[in-house]
Amino acid sequence: MKLALAWLRVAITFIVELAKSTGAVVRAVLGPTERLRPAILAVPLDIRSPAGKVLLANIVTLTPGTTSLDISADGRILYVHVLDAPDRDAAIADIKATLESRVREVLP
């Protein structure tokens, strides 16, 4: 039952992030493009299971405005392209605090 609730939290977190990201991408597309700050982020991973890394990479890619590019050879860094990241550290912290933390609950 505990694991089922953790999977439910993963799904809810994904839906919330999907909605927030969709709004941000709409604003970015309709607004002045010169203010966008695209970036490639190196997100350090606390997840150790291969399945957890794949799940996180897929969730990141399914979230508008972000795309998973690669995982480092040692499996400790996820490279992510972000449409708009004026503060790289904040963007990395957001991915870790929302998506990675939920995935770690089900696939550490």
C-alpha atoms as a PDB file:
ATOM      1  CA  MET A   1       0.000   0.000   0.000  1.00  0.00           C
ATOM      2  CA  LYS A   2       2.876   2.344   0.841  1.00  0.00           C
ATOM      3  CA  LEU A   3       4.443   1.793  -2.584  1.00  0.00           C
ATOM      4  CA  ALA A   4       1.108   2.374  -4.325  1.00  0.00           C
ATOM      5  CA  LEU A   5       0.798   5.743  -2.574  1.00  0.00           C
ATOM      6  CA  ALA A   6       4.347   6.618  -3.597  1.00  0.00           C
ATOM      7  CA  TRP A   7       3.501   5.854  -7.253  1.00  0.00           C
ATOM      8  CA  LEU A   8       0.402   8.026  -6.900  1.00  0.00           C
ATOM      9  CA  ARG A   9       2.589  10.884  -5.618  1.00  0.00           C
ATOM     10  CA  VAL A  10       4.874  10.419  -8.647  1.00  0.00           C
ATOM     11  CA  ALA A  11       1.862  10.674 -10.972  1.00  0.00           C
ATOM     12  CA  ILE A  12       0.430  13.734  -9.210  1.00  0.00           C
ATOM     13  CA  THR A  13       3.814  15.482  -9.177  1.00  0.00           C
ATOM     14  CA  PHE A  14       4.212  14.771 -12.883  1.00  0.00           C
ATOM     15  CA  ILE A  15       0.746  16.175 -13.669  1.00  0.00           C
ATOM     16  CA  VAL A  16       1.434  19.330 -11.632  1.00  0.00           C
ATOM     17  CA  GLU A  17       4.833  19.835 -13.301  1.00  0.00           C
ATOM     18  CA  LEU A  18       3.258  19.156 -16.701  1.00  0.00           C
ATOM     19  CA  ALA A  19       0.686  21.908 -16.117  1.00  0.00           C
ATOM     20  CA  LYS A  20       3.266  24.401 -14.815  1.00  0.00           C
ATOM     21  CA  SER A  21       5.663  23.688 -17.673  1.00  0.00           C
ATOM     22  CA  THR A  22       2.941  23.924 -20.293  1.00  0.00           C
ATOM     23  CA  GLY A  23       2.051  27.400 -19.031  1.00  0.00           C
ATOM     24  CA  ALA A  24       5.694  28.452 -19.027  1.00  0.00           C
ATOM     25  CA  VAL A  25       6.224  27.217 -22.591  1.00  0.00           C
ATOM     26  CA  VAL A  26       3.083  29.016 -23.801  1.00  0.00           C
ATOM     27  CA  ARG A  27       4.339  32.249 -22.212  1.00  0.00           C
ATOM     28  CA  ALA A  28       7.773  31.710 -23.751  1.00  0.00           C
ATOM     29  CA  VAL A  29       6.371  31.107 -27.226  1.00  0.00           C
ATOM     30  CA  LEU A  30       4.012  34.073 -27.103  1.00  0.00           C
ATOM     31  CA  GLY A  31       6.496  36.444 -25.462  1.00  0.00           C
ATOM     32  CA  PRO A  32       9.668  38.034 -26.770  1.00  0.00           C
ATOM     33  CA  THR A  33      12.131  35.280 -27.600  1.00  0.00           C
ATOM     34  CA  GLU A  34      15.193  37.407 -26.900  1.00  0.00           C
ATOM     35  CA  ARG A  35      14.523  37.081 -23.164  1.00  0.00           C
ATOM     36  CA  LEU A  36      14.775  33.268 -23.258  1.00  0.00           C
ATOM     37  CA  ARG A  37      17.853  31.714 -21.675  1.00  0.00           C
ATOM     38  CA  PRO A  38      18.158  28.153 -22.996  1.00  0.00           C
ATOM     39  CA  ALA A  39      20.683  25.989 -21.220  1.00  0.00           C
ATOM     40  CA  ILE A  40      22.073  22.509 -20.926  1.00  0.00           C
ATOM     41  CA  LEU A  41      22.072  21.517 -17.273  1.00  0.00           C
ATOM     42  CA  ALA A  42      24.169  18.862 -15.575  1.00  0.00           C
ATOM     43  CA  VAL A  43      21.825  17.476 -12.930  1.00  0.00           C
ATOM     44  CA  PRO A  44      23.669  15.379 -10.329  1.00  0.00           C
ATOM     45  CA  LEU A  45      21.682  12.228  -9.608  1.00  0.00           C
ATOM     46  CA  ASP A  46      20.978  10.718  -6.226  1.00  0.00           C
ATOM     47  CA  ILE A  47      19.026   7.905  -7.892  1.00  0.00           C
ATOM     48  CA  ARG A  48      21.159   4.794  -8.270  1.00  0.00           C
ATOM     49  CA  SER A  49      18.812   2.245  -9.874  1.00  0.00           C
ATOM     50  CA  PRO A  50      18.876   2.063 -13.675  1.00  0.00           C
ATOM     51  CA  ALA A  51      15.064   1.952 -13.769  1.00  0.00           C
ATOM     52  CA  GLY A  52      14.869   5.083 -11.624  1.00  0.00           C
ATOM     53  CA  LYS A  53      17.237   6.935 -13.956  1.00  0.00           C
ATOM     54  CA  VAL A  54      15.194   5.906 -16.986  1.00  0.00           C
ATOM     55  CA  LEU A  55      11.941   6.965 -15.309  1.00  0.00           C
ATOM     56  CA  LEU A  56      13.367  10.355 -14.351  1.00  0.00           C
ATOM     57  CA  ALA A  57      14.818  10.931 -17.833  1.00  0.00           C
ATOM     58  CA  ASN A  58      11.470  10.051 -19.411  1.00  0.00           C
ATOM     59  CA  ILE A  59       9.493  12.294 -17.071  1.00  0.00           C
ATOM     60  CA  VAL A  60      11.887  15.180 -17.787  1.00  0.00           C
ATOM     61  CA  THR A  61      11.493  14.644 -21.533  1.00  0.00           C
ATOM     62  CA  LEU A  62       7.701  14.465 -21.291  1.00  0.00           C
ATOM     63  CA  THR A  63       7.605  17.774 -19.428  1.00  0.00           C
ATOM     64  CA  PRO A  64       7.291  20.674 -21.922  1.00  0.00           C
ATOM     65  CA  GLY A  65      10.360  22.870 -22.182  1.00  0.00           C
ATOM     66  CA  THR A  66      12.833  20.190 -21.118  1.00  0.00           C
ATOM     67  CA  THR A  67      14.530  17.291 -22.862  1.00  0.00           C
ATOM     68  CA  SER A  68      16.822  14.663 -21.400  1.00  0.00           C
ATOM     69  CA  LEU A  69      19.935  14.475 -23.531  1.00  0.00           C
ATOM     70  CA  ASP A  70      22.203  11.891 -21.923  1.00  0.00           C
ATOM     71  CA  ILE A  71      23.334  10.250 -18.725  1.00  0.00           C
ATOM     72  CA  SER A  72      27.040  10.331 -17.957  1.00  0.00           C
ATOM     73  CA  ALA A  73      29.040   7.125 -18.345  1.00  0.00           C
ATOM     74  CA  ASP A  74      29.211   6.682 -14.573  1.00  0.00           C
ATOM     75  CA  GLY A  75      25.440   7.262 -14.257  1.00  0.00           C
ATOM     76  CA  ARG A  76      25.768  10.159 -11.837  1.00  0.00           C
ATOM     77  CA  ILE A  77      24.799  13.096 -14.083  1.00  0.00           C
ATOM     78  CA  LEU A  78      21.676  13.633 -16.191  1.00  0.00           C
ATOM     79  CA  TYR A  79      22.147  16.200 -18.943  1.00  0.00           C
ATOM     80  CA  VAL A  80      18.982  18.175 -19.628  1.00  0.00           C
ATOM     81  CA  HIS A  81      18.223  20.843 -22.231  1.00  0.00           C
ATOM     82  CA  VAL A  82      15.971  23.553 -20.803  1.00  0.00           C
ATOM     83  CA  LEU A  83      14.114  26.087 -22.951  1.00  0.00           C
ATOM     84  CA  ASP A  84      14.453  28.859 -20.385  1.00  0.00           C
ATOM     85  CA  ALA A  85      16.772  28.736 -17.371  1.00  0.00           C
ATOM     86  CA  PRO A  86      17.759  32.228 -16.245  1.00  0.00           C
ATOM     87  CA  ASP A  87      19.095  30.668 -13.025  1.00  0.00           C
ATOM     88  CA  ARG A  88      20.765  27.324 -13.740  1.00  0.00           C
ATOM     89  CA  ASP A  89      21.186  26.400 -10.073  1.00  0.00           C
ATOM     90  CA  ALA A  90      17.500  27.054  -9.375  1.00  0.00           C
ATOM     91  CA  ALA A  91      16.479  24.942 -12.383  1.00  0.00           C
ATOM     92  CA  ILE A  92      18.646  22.037 -11.196  1.00  0.00           C
ATOM     93  CA  ALA A  93      17.309  22.377  -7.652  1.00  0.00           C
ATOM     94  CA  ASP A  94      13.741  22.346  -8.978  1.00  0.00           C
ATOM     95  CA  ILE A  95      14.290  19.117 -10.951  1.00  0.00           C
ATOM     96  CA  LYS A  96      15.878  17.470  -7.914  1.00  0.00           C
ATOM     97  CA  ALA A  97      13.276  18.695  -5.418  1.00  0.00           C
ATOM     98  CA  THR A  98      10.226  17.751  -7.460  1.00  0.00           C
ATOM     99  CA  LEU A  99      10.798  15.044 -10.034  1.00  0.00           C
ATOM    100  CA  GLU A 100      13.878  13.272  -8.700  1.00  0.00           C
ATOM    101  CA  SER A 101      12.673  13.224  -5.103  1.00  0.00           C
ATOM    102  CA  ARG A 102       9.393  11.562  -6.127  1.00  0.00           C
ATOM    103  CA  VAL A 103      11.099   9.027  -8.391  1.00  0.00           C
ATOM    104  CA  ARG A 104      13.489   8.134  -5.546  1.00  0.00           C
ATOM    105  CA  GLU A 105      10.471   7.157  -3.434  1.00  0.00           C
ATOM    106  CA  VAL A 106       9.577   4.370  -5.870  1.00  0.00           C
ATOM    107  CA  LEU A 107      12.873   3.491  -7.571  1.00  0.00           C
ATOM    108  CA  PRO A 108      15.840   4.536  -5.427  1.00  0.00           C
END
